[in-house]
Amino acid sequence: MNQGRIWTVVKPTVGLPLLLGSVTVIAILVHLALLSNTTWFPKYWNGKTAAIESSVNVG
C-alpha cells in the first residue's frame, strides 16, 4: 500500500468518513445531472420501457 503514510497525517476516524462522504456526494450529483439533463433516465427509474424504433423496412 503506497499511500499508507497518509494516516500519519490524517486520522482514520476523520479521513474515512470524509472519503466515503465525498464518494456519496459525487454519486448523488451524477444522478441529479442525469435526471435533469436526459429524458430517458427518469423513465428508466420509473420502470417504463423505451419505444424501439426500427429503421429496417420489411416487405
Protein backbone atom coordinates (compact mmCIF):
# COMPACT_ATOMS: atom_id res chain seq x y z
CA MET A 1 0.00 0.00 0.00
CA ASN A 2 1.88 3.03 -1.23
CA GLN A 3 -0.47 5.56 0.42
CA GLY A 4 -0.27 4.03 3.90
CA ARG A 5 1.56 7.01 5.40
CA ILE A 6 -1.46 9.29 4.84
CA TRP A 7 -2.83 8.02 8.15
CA THR A 8 0.12 9.54 9.97
CA VAL A 9 -1.21 12.94 8.86
CA VAL A 10 -4.96 12.35 8.90
CA LYS A 11 -6.63 10.14 11.49
CA PRO A 12 -8.68 7.28 10.00
CA THR A 13 -11.64 8.35 12.14
CA VAL A 14 -11.66 11.64 10.22
CA GLY A 15 -10.32 10.57 6.83
CA LEU A 16 -12.56 7.57 6.14
CA PRO A 17 -15.86 9.38 6.75
CA LEU A 18 -14.65 12.25 4.57
CA LEU A 19 -13.68 9.83 1.81
CA LEU A 20 -16.96 7.91 1.94
CA GLY A 21 -18.97 11.11 2.25
CA SER A 22 -17.30 12.64 -0.80
CA VAL A 23 -17.99 9.49 -2.83
CA THR A 24 -21.65 9.67 -1.78
CA VAL A 25 -21.94 13.34 -2.72
CA ILE A 26 -20.36 12.71 -6.13
CA ALA A 27 -22.75 9.83 -6.81
CA ILE A 28 -25.76 11.97 -5.89
CA LEU A 29 -24.53 14.80 -8.13
CA VAL A 30 -24.10 12.42 -11.06
CA HIS A 31 -27.63 11.08 -10.61
CA LEU A 32 -29.08 14.58 -10.36
CA ALA A 33 -27.23 15.61 -13.51
CA LEU A 34 -28.63 12.58 -15.34
CA LEU A 35 -32.14 13.31 -14.12
CA SER A 36 -32.04 16.95 -15.15
CA ASN A 37 -30.23 16.59 -18.49
CA THR A 38 -31.75 13.48 -20.06
CA THR A 39 -35.23 12.36 -20.98
CA TRP A 40 -34.65 8.60 -20.72
CA PHE A 41 -33.25 8.37 -17.18
CA PRO A 42 -36.43 9.38 -15.29
CA LYS A 43 -38.41 6.92 -17.43
CA TYR A 44 -35.84 4.24 -16.65
CA TRP A 45 -36.18 4.84 -12.91
CA ASN A 46 -39.97 4.71 -13.18
CA GLY A 47 -39.77 1.36 -14.97
CA LYS A 48 -41.11 2.46 -18.34
CA THR A 49 -39.83 0.66 -21.39
CA ALA A 50 -38.32 2.60 -24.23
CA ALA A 51 -40.01 2.56 -27.60
CA ILE A 52 -37.82 0.76 -30.09
CA GLU A 53 -37.90 2.40 -33.48
CA SER A 54 -36.80 0.16 -36.30
CA SER A 55 -35.26 1.69 -39.38
CA VAL A 56 -35.46 -1.58 -41.33
CA ASN A 57 -38.34 -1.79 -43.81
CA VAL A 58 -39.73 -5.30 -44.06
CA GLY A 59 -41.79 -6.11 -47.14
